[in-house]
Amino acid sequence: KEREFVAGINWSGDTLNYAYSVRGRFTI
């Protein structure tokens, strides 16, 4: 399978992004 984005966090840690498939289960 292709590489997929899971989670991201900005430099200060106050902006978080998650793939829909892991939202609510994973925490970056």
mmCIF file of all heavy atoms, coordinates in Angstrom:
data_MODEL
# 
_entry.id   MODEL 
# 
loop_
_atom_site.group_PDB 
_atom_site.id 
_atom_site.type_symbol 
_atom_site.label_atom_id 
_atom_site.label_alt_id 
_atom_site.label_comp_id 
_atom_site.label_asym_id 
_atom_site.label_entity_id 
_atom_site.label_seq_id 
_atom_site.pdbx_PDB_ins_code 
_atom_site.Cartn_x 
_atom_site.Cartn_y 
_atom_site.Cartn_z 
_atom_site.occupancy 
_atom_site.B_iso_or_equiv 
_atom_site.pdbx_formal_charge 
_atom_site.auth_seq_id 
_atom_site.auth_comp_id 
_atom_site.auth_asym_id 
_atom_site.auth_atom_id 
_atom_site.pdbx_PDB_model_num 
ATOM 1   N N   . LYS A 1 1  ? 0.819   -1.196 0.000  1.00 0.00 ? 1  LYS A N   1 
ATOM 2   C CA  . LYS A 1 1  ? 0.000   0.000  0.000  1.00 0.00 ? 1  LYS A CA  1 
ATOM 3   C C   . LYS A 1 1  ? 0.859   1.254  0.000  1.00 0.00 ? 1  LYS A C   1 
ATOM 4   O O   . LYS A 1 1  ? 2.042   1.219  0.323  1.00 0.00 ? 1  LYS A O   1 
ATOM 5   C CB  . LYS A 1 1  ? -0.937  0.008  1.208  1.00 0.00 ? 1  LYS A CB  1 
ATOM 6   C CG  . LYS A 1 1  ? -1.950  -1.124 1.225  1.00 0.00 ? 1  LYS A CG  1 
ATOM 7   C CD  . LYS A 1 1  ? -2.919  -0.989 2.378  1.00 0.00 ? 1  LYS A CD  1 
ATOM 8   C CE  . LYS A 1 1  ? -3.958  -2.088 2.354  1.00 0.00 ? 1  LYS A CE  1 
ATOM 9   N NZ  . LYS A 1 1  ? -4.918  -1.957 3.476  1.00 0.00 ? 1  LYS A NZ  1 
ATOM 10  N N   . GLU A 1 2  ? 0.246   2.358  -0.370 1.00 0.00 ? 2  GLU A N   1 
ATOM 11  C CA  . GLU A 1 2  ? 0.935   3.633  -0.374 1.00 0.00 ? 2  GLU A CA  1 
ATOM 12  C C   . GLU A 1 2  ? 1.131   4.147  1.046  1.00 0.00 ? 2  GLU A C   1 
ATOM 13  O O   . GLU A 1 2  ? 0.361   3.833  1.956  1.00 0.00 ? 2  GLU A O   1 
ATOM 14  C CB  . GLU A 1 2  ? 0.140   4.659  -1.181 1.00 0.00 ? 2  GLU A CB  1 
ATOM 15  C CG  . GLU A 1 2  ? 0.041   4.363  -2.664 1.00 0.00 ? 2  GLU A CG  1 
ATOM 16  C CD  . GLU A 1 2  ? 1.344   4.606  -3.382 1.00 0.00 ? 2  GLU A CD  1 
ATOM 17  O OE1 . GLU A 1 2  ? 2.087   5.525  -2.987 1.00 0.00 ? 2  GLU A OE1 1 
ATOM 18  O OE2 . GLU A 1 2  ? 1.635   3.876  -4.339 1.00 0.00 ? 2  GLU A OE2 1 
ATOM 19  N N   . ARG A 1 3  ? 2.164   4.932  1.223  1.00 0.00 ? 3  ARG A N   1 
ATOM 20  C CA  . ARG A 1 3  ? 2.376   5.596  2.490  1.00 0.00 ? 3  ARG A CA  1 
ATOM 21  C C   . ARG A 1 3  ? 1.233   6.580  2.730  1.00 0.00 ? 3  ARG A C   1 
ATOM 22  O O   . ARG A 1 3  ? 0.789   7.278  1.809  1.00 0.00 ? 3  ARG A O   1 
ATOM 23  C CB  . ARG A 1 3  ? 3.709   6.336  2.489  1.00 0.00 ? 3  ARG A CB  1 
ATOM 24  C CG  . ARG A 1 3  ? 3.989   7.133  3.751  1.00 0.00 ? 3  ARG A CG  1 
ATOM 25  C CD  . ARG A 1 3  ? 5.265   7.938  3.594  1.00 0.00 ? 3  ARG A CD  1 
ATOM 26  N NE  . ARG A 1 3  ? 6.435   7.077  3.577  1.00 0.00 ? 3  ARG A NE  1 
ATOM 27  C CZ  . ARG A 1 3  ? 7.632   7.471  3.150  1.00 0.00 ? 3  ARG A CZ  1 
ATOM 28  N NH1 . ARG A 1 3  ? 7.802   8.701  2.682  1.00 0.00 ? 3  ARG A NH1 1 
ATOM 29  N NH2 . ARG A 1 3  ? 8.653   6.624  3.183  1.00 0.00 ? 3  ARG A NH2 1 
ATOM 30  N N   . GLU A 1 4  ? 0.759   6.625  3.954  1.00 0.00 ? 4  GLU A N   1 
ATOM 31  C CA  . GLU A 1 4  ? -0.329  7.525  4.278  1.00 0.00 ? 4  GLU A CA  1 
ATOM 32  C C   . GLU A 1 4  ? -0.019  8.350  5.521  1.00 0.00 ? 4  GLU A C   1 
ATOM 33  O O   . GLU A 1 4  ? 0.699   7.918  6.418  1.00 0.00 ? 4  GLU A O   1 
ATOM 34  C CB  . GLU A 1 4  ? -1.640  6.758  4.481  1.00 0.00 ? 4  GLU A CB  1 
ATOM 35  C CG  . GLU A 1 4  ? -1.633  5.814  5.666  1.00 0.00 ? 4  GLU A CG  1 
ATOM 36  C CD  . GLU A 1 4  ? -2.983  5.176  5.919  1.00 0.00 ? 4  GLU A CD  1 
ATOM 37  O OE1 . GLU A 1 4  ? -4.008  5.721  5.440  1.00 0.00 ? 4  GLU A OE1 1 
ATOM 38  O OE2 . GLU A 1 4  ? -3.026  4.128  6.596  1.00 0.00 ? 4  GLU A OE2 1 
ATOM 39  N N   . PHE A 1 5  ? -0.578  9.524  5.545  1.00 0.00 ? 5  PHE A N   1 
ATOM 40  C CA  . PHE A 1 5  ? -0.443  10.418 6.683  1.00 0.00 ? 5  PHE A CA  1 
ATOM 41  C C   . PHE A 1 5  ? -1.251  9.886  7.846  1.00 0.00 ? 5  PHE A C   1 
ATOM 42  O O   . PHE A 1 5  ? -2.388  9.444  7.688  1.00 0.00 ? 5  PHE A O   1 
ATOM 43  C CB  . PHE A 1 5  ? -0.928  11.815 6.292  1.00 0.00 ? 5  PHE A CB  1 
ATOM 44  C CG  . PHE A 1 5  ? -1.034  12.777 7.438  1.00 0.00 ? 5  PHE A CG  1 
ATOM 45  C CD1 . PHE A 1 5  ? 0.078   13.446 7.914  1.00 0.00 ? 5  PHE A CD1 1 
ATOM 46  C CD2 . PHE A 1 5  ? -2.257  13.021 8.041  1.00 0.00 ? 5  PHE A CD2 1 
ATOM 47  C CE1 . PHE A 1 5  ? -0.020  14.342 8.966  1.00 0.00 ? 5  PHE A CE1 1 
ATOM 48  C CE2 . PHE A 1 5  ? -2.365  13.914 9.088  1.00 0.00 ? 5  PHE A CE2 1 
ATOM 49  C CZ  . PHE A 1 5  ? -1.244  14.573 9.551  1.00 0.00 ? 5  PHE A CZ  1 
ATOM 50  N N   . VAL A 1 6  ? -0.670  9.948  9.025  1.00 0.00 ? 6  VAL A N   1 
ATOM 51  C CA  . VAL A 1 6  ? -1.341  9.488  10.233 1.00 0.00 ? 6  VAL A CA  1 
ATOM 52  C C   . VAL A 1 6  ? -1.671  10.646 11.156 1.00 0.00 ? 6  VAL A C   1 
ATOM 53  O O   . VAL A 1 6  ? -2.819  10.817 11.575 1.00 0.00 ? 6  VAL A O   1 
ATOM 54  C CB  . VAL A 1 6  ? -0.493  8.450  10.995 1.00 0.00 ? 6  VAL A CB  1 
ATOM 55  C CG1 . VAL A 1 6  ? -1.160  8.063  12.305 1.00 0.00 ? 6  VAL A CG1 1 
ATOM 56  C CG2 . VAL A 1 6  ? -0.254  7.222  10.122 1.00 0.00 ? 6  VAL A CG2 1 
ATOM 57  N N   . ALA A 1 7  ? -0.666  11.442 11.493 1.00 0.00 ? 7  ALA A N   1 
ATOM 58  C CA  . ALA A 1 7  ? -0.868  12.529 12.443 1.00 0.00 ? 7  ALA A CA  1 
ATOM 59  C C   . ALA A 1 7  ? 0.203   13.574 12.256 1.00 0.00 ? 7  ALA A C   1 
ATOM 60  O O   . ALA A 1 7  ? 1.317   13.275 11.842 1.00 0.00 ? 7  ALA A O   1 
ATOM 61  C CB  . ALA A 1 7  ? -0.853  12.012 13.883 1.00 0.00 ? 7  ALA A CB  1 
ATOM 62  N N   . GLY A 1 8  ? -0.134  14.817 12.578 1.00 0.00 ? 8  GLY A N   1 
ATOM 63  C CA  . GLY A 1 8  ? 0.818   15.905 12.484 1.00 0.00 ? 8  GLY A CA  1 
ATOM 64  C C   . GLY A 1 8  ? 0.665   16.861 13.645 1.00 0.00 ? 8  GLY A C   1 
ATOM 65  O O   . GLY A 1 8  ? -0.401  16.959 14.250 1.00 0.00 ? 8  GLY A O   1 
ATOM 66  N N   . ILE A 1 9  ? 1.738   17.575 13.934 1.00 0.00 ? 9  ILE A N   1 
ATOM 67  C CA  . ILE A 1 9  ? 1.752   18.535 15.022 1.00 0.00 ? 9  ILE A CA  1 
ATOM 68  C C   . ILE A 1 9  ? 2.657   19.695 14.637 1.00 0.00 ? 9  ILE A C   1 
ATOM 69  O O   . ILE A 1 9  ? 3.726   19.494 14.062 1.00 0.00 ? 9  ILE A O   1 
ATOM 70  C CB  . ILE A 1 9  ? 2.206   17.863 16.340 1.00 0.00 ? 9  ILE A CB  1 
ATOM 71  C CG1 . ILE A 1 9  ? 2.080   18.817 17.524 1.00 0.00 ? 9  ILE A CG1 1 
ATOM 72  C CG2 . ILE A 1 9  ? 3.629   17.321 16.210 1.00 0.00 ? 9  ILE A CG2 1 
ATOM 73  C CD1 . ILE A 1 9  ? 2.251   18.109 18.867 1.00 0.00 ? 9  ILE A CD1 1 
ATOM 74  N N   . ASN A 1 10 ? 2.212   20.906 14.923 1.00 0.00 ? 10 ASN A N   1 
ATOM 75  C CA  . ASN A 1 10 ? 3.013   22.055 14.563 1.00 0.00 ? 10 ASN A CA  1 
ATOM 76  C C   . ASN A 1 10 ? 4.122   22.287 15.577 1.00 0.00 ? 10 ASN A C   1 
ATOM 77  O O   . ASN A 1 10 ? 4.249   21.568 16.569 1.00 0.00 ? 10 ASN A O   1 
ATOM 78  C CB  . ASN A 1 10 ? 2.134   23.295 14.389 1.00 0.00 ? 10 ASN A CB  1 
ATOM 79  C CG  . ASN A 1 10 ? 1.648   23.869 15.711 1.00 0.00 ? 10 ASN A CG  1 
ATOM 80  O OD1 . ASN A 1 10 ? 1.503   23.155 16.697 1.00 0.00 ? 10 ASN A OD1 1 
ATOM 81  N ND2 . ASN A 1 10 ? 1.388   25.173 15.731 1.00 0.00 ? 10 ASN A ND2 1 
ATOM 82  N N   . TRP A 1 11 ? 4.914   23.301 15.342 1.00 0.00 ? 11 TRP A N   1 
ATOM 83  C CA  . TRP A 1 11 ? 6.116   23.510 16.152 1.00 0.00 ? 11 TRP A CA  1 
ATOM 84  C C   . TRP A 1 11 ? 5.812   23.760 17.622 1.00 0.00 ? 11 TRP A C   1 
ATOM 85  O O   . TRP A 1 11 ? 6.589   23.363 18.502 1.00 0.00 ? 11 TRP A O   1 
ATOM 86  C CB  . TRP A 1 11 ? 6.933   24.673 15.589 1.00 0.00 ? 11 TRP A CB  1 
ATOM 87  C CG  . TRP A 1 11 ? 6.286   26.026 15.789 1.00 0.00 ? 11 TRP A CG  1 
ATOM 88  C CD1 . TRP A 1 11 ? 5.399   26.640 14.954 1.00 0.00 ? 11 TRP A CD1 1 
ATOM 89  C CD2 . TRP A 1 11 ? 6.489   26.914 16.893 1.00 0.00 ? 11 TRP A CD2 1 
ATOM 90  N NE1 . TRP A 1 11 ? 5.032   27.863 15.468 1.00 0.00 ? 11 TRP A NE1 1 
ATOM 91  C CE2 . TRP A 1 11 ? 5.689   28.051 16.656 1.00 0.00 ? 11 TRP A CE2 1 
ATOM 92  C CE3 . TRP A 1 11 ? 7.267   26.858 18.051 1.00 0.00 ? 11 TRP A CE3 1 
ATOM 93  C CZ2 . TRP A 1 11 ? 5.640   29.127 17.544 1.00 0.00 ? 11 TRP A CZ2 1 
ATOM 94  C CZ3 . TRP A 1 11 ? 7.219   27.931 18.936 1.00 0.00 ? 11 TRP A CZ3 1 
ATOM 95  C CH2 . TRP A 1 11 ? 6.407   29.047 18.673 1.00 0.00 ? 11 TRP A CH2 1 
ATOM 96  N N   . SER A 1 12 ? 4.703   24.415 17.909 1.00 0.00 ? 12 SER A N   1 
ATOM 97  C CA  . SER A 1 12 ? 4.368   24.756 19.284 1.00 0.00 ? 12 SER A CA  1 
ATOM 98  C C   . SER A 1 12 ? 3.491   23.709 19.960 1.00 0.00 ? 12 SER A C   1 
ATOM 99  O O   . SER A 1 12 ? 3.277   23.774 21.167 1.00 0.00 ? 12 SER A O   1 
ATOM 100 C CB  . SER A 1 12 ? 3.669   26.114 19.339 1.00 0.00 ? 12 SER A CB  1 
ATOM 101 O OG  . SER A 1 12 ? 2.458   26.102 18.610 1.00 0.00 ? 12 SER A OG  1 
ATOM 102 N N   . GLY A 1 13 ? 2.974   22.766 19.190 1.00 0.00 ? 13 GLY A N   1 
ATOM 103 C CA  . GLY A 1 13 ? 2.159   21.706 19.748 1.00 0.00 ? 13 GLY A CA  1 
ATOM 104 C C   . GLY A 1 13 ? 0.704   22.054 19.950 1.00 0.00 ? 13 GLY A C   1 
ATOM 105 O O   . GLY A 1 13 ? -0.035  21.270 20.555 1.00 0.00 ? 13 GLY A O   1 
ATOM 106 N N   . ASP A 1 14 ? 0.263   23.194 19.464 1.00 0.00 ? 14 ASP A N   1 
ATOM 107 C CA  . ASP A 1 14 ? -1.118  23.606 19.662 1.00 0.00 ? 14 ASP A CA  1 
ATOM 108 C C   . ASP A 1 14 ? -2.000  23.372 18.439 1.00 0.00 ? 14 ASP A C   1 
ATOM 109 O O   . ASP A 1 14 ? -3.179  23.722 18.465 1.00 0.00 ? 14 ASP A O   1 
ATOM 110 C CB  . ASP A 1 14 ? -1.196  25.064 20.101 1.00 0.00 ? 14 ASP A CB  1 
ATOM 111 C CG  . ASP A 1 14 ? -0.557  26.028 19.114 1.00 0.00 ? 14 ASP A CG  1 
ATOM 112 O OD1 . ASP A 1 14 ? -0.068  25.582 18.056 1.00 0.00 ? 14 ASP A OD1 1 
ATOM 113 O OD2 . ASP A 1 14 ? -0.548  27.240 19.396 1.00 0.00 ? 14 ASP A OD2 1 
ATOM 114 N N   . THR A 1 15 ? -1.447  22.803 17.392 1.00 0.00 ? 15 THR A N   1 
ATOM 115 C CA  . THR A 1 15 ? -2.231  22.448 16.220 1.00 0.00 ? 15 THR A CA  1 
ATOM 116 C C   . THR A 1 15 ? -1.967  20.988 15.888 1.00 0.00 ? 15 THR A C   1 
ATOM 117 O O   . THR A 1 15 ? -0.837  20.612 15.581 1.00 0.00 ? 15 THR A O   1 
ATOM 118 C CB  . THR A 1 15 ? -1.889  23.329 15.017 1.00 0.00 ? 15 THR A CB  1 
ATOM 119 O OG1 . THR A 1 15 ? -2.144  24.700 15.338 1.00 0.00 ? 15 THR A OG1 1 
ATOM 120 C CG2 . THR A 1 15 ? -2.736  22.941 13.812 1.00 0.00 ? 15 THR A CG2 1 
ATOM 121 N N   . LEU A 1 16 ? -3.014  20.183 15.962 1.00 0.00 ? 16 LEU A N   1 
ATOM 122 C CA  . LEU A 1 16 ? -2.899  18.748 15.728 1.00 0.00 ? 16 LEU A CA  1 
ATOM 123 C C   . LEU A 1 16 ? -3.786  18.342 14.566 1.00 0.00 ? 16 LEU A C   1 
ATOM 124 O O   . LEU A 1 16 ? -4.891  18.855 14.411 1.00 0.00 ? 16 LEU A O   1 
ATOM 125 C CB  . LEU A 1 16 ? -3.305  17.963 16.978 1.00 0.00 ? 16 LEU A CB  1 
ATOM 126 C CG  . LEU A 1 16 ? -2.670  18.395 18.303 1.00 0.00 ? 16 LEU A CG  1 
ATOM 127 C CD1 . LEU A 1 16 ? -3.244  17.572 19.446 1.00 0.00 ? 16 LEU A CD1 1 
ATOM 128 C CD2 . LEU A 1 16 ? -1.161  18.244 18.249 1.00 0.00 ? 16 LEU A CD2 1 
ATOM 129 N N   . ASN A 1 17 ? -3.306  17.421 13.775 1.00 0.00 ? 17 ASN A N   1 
ATOM 130 C CA  . ASN A 1 17 ? -4.080  16.882 12.676 1.00 0.00 ? 17 ASN A CA  1 
ATOM 131 C C   . ASN A 1 17 ? -3.964  15.368 12.659 1.00 0.00 ? 17 ASN A C   1 
ATOM 132 O O   . ASN A 1 17 ? -2.893  14.819 12.922 1.00 0.00 ? 17 ASN A O   1 
ATOM 133 C CB  . ASN A 1 17 ? -3.598  17.452 11.339 1.00 0.00 ? 17 ASN A CB  1 
ATOM 134 C CG  . ASN A 1 17 ? -3.894  18.929 11.198 1.00 0.00 ? 17 ASN A CG  1 
ATOM 135 O OD1 . ASN A 1 17 ? -5.046  19.336 11.067 1.00 0.00 ? 17 ASN A OD1 1 
ATOM 136 N ND2 . ASN A 1 17 ? -2.855  19.746 11.232 1.00 0.00 ? 17 ASN A ND2 1 
ATOM 137 N N   . TYR A 1 18 ? -5.079  14.712 12.336 1.00 0.00 ? 18 TYR A N   1 
ATOM 138 C CA  . TYR A 1 18 ? -5.105  13.262 12.325 1.00 0.00 ? 18 TYR A CA  1 
ATOM 139 C C   . TYR A 1 18 ? -5.820  12.749 11.088 1.00 0.00 ? 18 TYR A C   1 
ATOM 140 O O   . TYR A 1 18 ? -6.772  13.371 10.605 1.00 0.00 ? 18 TYR A O   1 
ATOM 141 C CB  . TYR A 1 18 ? -5.830  12.707 13.553 1.00 0.00 ? 18 TYR A CB  1 
ATOM 142 C CG  . TYR A 1 18 ? -5.174  13.048 14.864 1.00 0.00 ? 18 TYR A CG  1 
ATOM 143 C CD1 . TYR A 1 18 ? -5.594  14.143 15.613 1.00 0.00 ? 18 TYR A CD1 1 
ATOM 144 C CD2 . TYR A 1 18 ? -4.133  12.267 15.356 1.00 0.00 ? 18 TYR A CD2 1 
ATOM 145 C CE1 . TYR A 1 18 ? -4.992  14.456 16.818 1.00 0.00 ? 18 TYR A CE1 1 
ATOM 146 C CE2 . TYR A 1 18 ? -3.527  12.579 16.563 1.00 0.00 ? 18 TYR A CE2 1 
ATOM 147 C CZ  . TYR A 1 18 ? -3.960  13.674 17.290 1.00 0.00 ? 18 TYR A CZ  1 
ATOM 148 O OH  . TYR A 1 18 ? -3.356  13.976 18.488 1.00 0.00 ? 18 TYR A OH  1 
ATOM 149 N N   . ALA A 1 19 ? -5.351  11.626 10.601 1.00 0.00 ? 19 ALA A N   1 
ATOM 150 C CA  . ALA A 1 19 ? -6.120  10.926 9.589  1.00 0.00 ? 19 ALA A CA  1 
ATOM 151 C C   . ALA A 1 19 ? -7.440  10.480 10.191 1.00 0.00 ? 19 ALA A C   1 
ATOM 152 O O   . ALA A 1 19 ? -7.515  10.146 11.378 1.00 0.00 ? 19 ALA A O   1 
ATOM 153 C CB  . ALA A 1 19 ? -5.338  9.716  9.071  1.00 0.00 ? 19 ALA A CB  1 
ATOM 154 N N   . TYR A 1 20 ? -8.476  10.473 9.377  1.00 0.00 ? 20 TYR A N   1 
ATOM 155 C CA  . TYR A 1 20 ? -9.789  10.091 9.868  1.00 0.00 ? 20 TYR A CA  1 
ATOM 156 C C   . TYR A 1 20 ? -9.763  8.692  10.486 1.00 0.00 ? 20 TYR A C   1 
ATOM 157 O O   . TYR A 1 20 ? -10.443 8.428  11.486 1.00 0.00 ? 20 TYR A O   1 
ATOM 158 C CB  . TYR A 1 20 ? -10.810 10.139 8.736  1.00 0.00 ? 20 TYR A CB  1 
ATOM 159 C CG  . TYR A 1 20 ? -12.206 9.769  9.161  1.00 0.00 ? 20 TYR A CG  1 
ATOM 160 C CD1 . TYR A 1 20 ? -13.026 10.700 9.790  1.00 0.00 ? 20 TYR A CD1 1 
ATOM 161 C CD2 . TYR A 1 20 ? -12.707 8.490  8.944  1.00 0.00 ? 20 TYR A CD2 1 
ATOM 162 C CE1 . TYR A 1 20 ? -14.305 10.368 10.193 1.00 0.00 ? 20 TYR A CE1 1 
ATOM 163 C CE2 . TYR A 1 20 ? -13.982 8.147  9.344  1.00 0.00 ? 20 TYR A CE2 1 
ATOM 164 C CZ  . TYR A 1 20 ? -14.780 9.091  9.968  1.00 0.00 ? 20 TYR A CZ  1 
ATOM 165 O OH  . TYR A 1 20 ? -16.050 8.755  10.366 1.00 0.00 ? 20 TYR A OH  1 
ATOM 166 N N   . SER A 1 21 ? -8.976  7.809  9.919  1.00 0.00 ? 21 SER A N   1 
ATOM 167 C CA  . SER A 1 21 ? -8.952  6.430  10.364 1.00 0.00 ? 21 SER A CA  1 
ATOM 168 C C   . SER A 1 21 ? -8.404  6.248  11.776 1.00 0.00 ? 21 SER A C   1 
ATOM 169 O O   . SER A 1 21 ? -8.672  5.226  12.414 1.00 0.00 ? 21 SER A O   1 
ATOM 170 C CB  . SER A 1 21 ? -8.138  5.575  9.386  1.00 0.00 ? 21 SER A CB  1 
ATOM 171 O OG  . SER A 1 21 ? -6.802  6.039  9.306  1.00 0.00 ? 21 SER A OG  1 
ATOM 172 N N   . VAL A 1 22 ? -7.638  7.217  12.260 1.00 0.00 ? 22 VAL A N   1 
ATOM 173 C CA  . VAL A 1 22 ? -7.037  7.085  13.586 1.00 0.00 ? 22 VAL A CA  1 
ATOM 174 C C   . VAL A 1 22 ? -7.570  8.109  14.575 1.00 0.00 ? 22 VAL A C   1 
ATOM 175 O O   . VAL A 1 22 ? -7.211  8.058  15.762 1.00 0.00 ? 22 VAL A O   1 
ATOM 176 C CB  . VAL A 1 22 ? -5.500  7.186  13.524 1.00 0.00 ? 22 VAL A CB  1 
ATOM 177 C CG1 . VAL A 1 22 ? -4.934  6.208  12.513 1.00 0.00 ? 22 VAL A CG1 1 
ATOM 178 C CG2 . VAL A 1 22 ? -5.055  8.610  13.202 1.00 0.00 ? 22 VAL A CG2 1 
ATOM 179 N N   . ARG A 1 23 ? -8.404  9.002  14.117 1.00 0.00 ? 23 ARG A N   1 
ATOM 180 C CA  . ARG A 1 23 ? -8.920  10.062 14.973 1.00 0.00 ? 23 ARG A CA  1 
ATOM 181 C C   . ARG A 1 23 ? -9.666  9.467  16.168 1.00 0.00 ? 23 ARG A C   1 
ATOM 182 O O   . ARG A 1 23 ? -10.503 8.578  16.013 1.00 0.00 ? 23 ARG A O   1 
ATOM 183 C CB  . ARG A 1 23 ? -9.820  10.986 14.161 1.00 0.00 ? 23 ARG A CB  1 
ATOM 184 C CG  . ARG A 1 23 ? -10.063 12.351 14.775 1.00 0.00 ? 23 ARG A CG  1 
ATOM 185 C CD  . ARG A 1 23 ? -10.639 13.297 13.716 1.00 0.00 ? 23 ARG A CD  1 
ATOM 186 N NE  . ARG A 1 23 ? -9.700  13.525 12.628 1.00 0.00 ? 23 ARG A NE  1 
ATOM 187 C CZ  . ARG A 1 23 ? -10.046 13.972 11.429 1.00 0.00 ? 23 ARG A CZ  1 
ATOM 188 N NH1 . ARG A 1 23 ? -11.329 14.235 11.162 1.00 0.00 ? 23 ARG A NH1 1 
ATOM 189 N NH2 . ARG A 1 23 ? -9.127  14.144 10.500 1.00 0.00 ? 23 ARG A NH2 1 
ATOM 190 N N   . GLY A 1 24 ? -9.351  9.967  17.336 1.00 0.00 ? 24 GLY A N   1 
ATOM 191 C CA  . GLY A 1 24 ? -9.963  9.461  18.549 1.00 0.00 ? 24 GLY A CA  1 
ATOM 192 C C   . GLY A 1 24 ? -9.229  8.300  19.166 1.00 0.00 ? 24 GLY A C   1 
ATOM 193 O O   . GLY A 1 24 ? -9.512  7.935  20.320 1.00 0.00 ? 24 GLY A O   1 
ATOM 194 N N   . ARG A 1 25 ? -8.304  7.699  18.441 1.00 0.00 ? 25 ARG A N   1 
ATOM 195 C CA  . ARG A 1 25 ? -7.543  6.563  18.944 1.00 0.00 ? 25 ARG A CA  1 
ATOM 196 C C   . ARG A 1 25 ? -6.067  6.885  19.140 1.00 0.00 ? 25 ARG A C   1 
ATOM 197 O O   . ARG A 1 25 ? -5.442  6.388  20.070 1.00 0.00 ? 25 ARG A O   1 
ATOM 198 C CB  . ARG A 1 25 ? -7.677  5.373  18.001 1.00 0.00 ? 25 ARG A CB  1 
ATOM 199 C CG  . ARG A 1 25 ? -9.101  4.889  17.813 1.00 0.00 ? 25 ARG A CG  1 
ATOM 200 C CD  . ARG A 1 25 ? -9.151  3.588  17.010 1.00 0.00 ? 25 ARG A CD  1 
ATOM 201 N NE  . ARG A 1 25 ? -8.625  3.757  15.657 1.00 0.00 ? 25 ARG A NE  1 
ATOM 202 C CZ  . ARG A 1 25 ? -7.562  3.117  15.186 1.00 0.00 ? 25 ARG A CZ  1 
ATOM 203 N NH1 . ARG A 1 25 ? -6.901  2.265  15.950 1.00 0.00 ? 25 ARG A NH1 1 
ATOM 204 N NH2 . ARG A 1 25 ? -7.164  3.317  13.930 1.00 0.00 ? 25 ARG A NH2 1 
ATOM 205 N N   . PHE A 1 26 ? -5.521  7.694  18.253 1.00 0.00 ? 26 PHE A N   1 
ATOM 206 C CA  . PHE A 1 26 ? -4.109  8.045  18.307 1.00 0.00 ? 26 PHE A CA  1 
ATOM 207 C C   . PHE A 1 26 ? -3.941  9.477  18.790 1.00 0.00 ? 26 PHE A C   1 
ATOM 208 O O   . PHE A 1 26 ? -4.783  10.339 18.529 1.00 0.00 ? 26 PHE A O   1 
ATOM 209 C CB  . PHE A 1 26 ? -3.457  7.932  16.925 1.00 0.00 ? 26 PHE A CB  1 
ATOM 210 C CG  . PHE A 1 26 ? -3.322  6.530  16.395 1.00 0.00 ? 26 PHE A CG  1 
ATOM 211 C CD1 . PHE A 1 26 ? -3.913  5.448  17.023 1.00 0.00 ? 26 PHE A CD1 1 
ATOM 212 C CD2 . PHE A 1 26 ? -2.589  6.305  15.238 1.00 0.00 ? 26 PHE A CD2 1 
ATOM 213 C CE1 . PHE A 1 26 ? -3.789  4.165  16.520 1.00 0.00 ? 26 PHE A CE1 1 
ATOM 214 C CE2 . PHE A 1 26 ? -2.452  5.030  14.721 1.00 0.00 ? 26 PHE A CE2 1 
ATOM 215 C CZ  . PHE A 1 26 ? -3.053  3.957  15.363 1.00 0.00 ? 26 PHE A CZ  1 
ATOM 216 N N   . THR A 1 27 ? -2.840  9.736  19.461 1.00 0.00 ? 27 THR A N   1 
ATOM 217 C CA  . THR A 1 27 ? -2.515  11.076 19.915 1.00 0.00 ? 27 THR A CA  1 
ATOM 218 C C   . THR A 1 27 ? -1.058  11.376 19.614 1.00 0.00 ? 27 THR A C   1 
ATOM 219 O O   . THR A 1 27 ? -0.171  10.635 20.040 1.00 0.00 ? 27 THR A O   1 
ATOM 220 C CB  . THR A 1 27 ? -2.762  11.240 21.419 1.00 0.00 ? 27 THR A CB  1 
ATOM 221 O OG1 . THR A 1 27 ? -4.124  10.933 21.727 1.00 0.00 ? 27 THR A OG1 1 
ATOM 222 C CG2 . THR A 1 27 ? -2.473  12.679 21.851 1.00 0.00 ? 27 THR A CG2 1 
ATOM 223 N N   . ILE A 1 28 ? -0.825  12.451 18.891 1.00 0.00 ? 28 ILE A N   1 
ATOM 224 C CA  . ILE A 1 28 ? 0.537   12.895 18.636 1.00 0.00 ? 28 ILE A CA  1 
ATOM 225 C C   . ILE A 1 28 ? 0.893   13.979 19.645 1.00 0.00 ? 28 ILE A C   1 
ATOM 226 O O   . ILE A 1 28 ? 0.058   14.812 20.001 1.00 0.00 ? 28 ILE A O   1 
ATOM 227 C CB  . ILE A 1 28 ? 0.703   13.406 17.189 1.00 0.00 ? 28 ILE A CB  1 
ATOM 228 C CG1 . ILE A 1 28 ? 2.173   13.712 16.887 1.00 0.00 ? 28 ILE A CG1 1 
ATOM 229 C CG2 . ILE A 1 28 ? -0.177  14.617 16.922 1.00 0.00 ? 28 ILE A CG2 1 
ATOM 230 C CD1 . ILE A 1 28 ? 2.444   14.027 15.418 1.00 0.00 ? 28 ILE A CD1 1 
# 
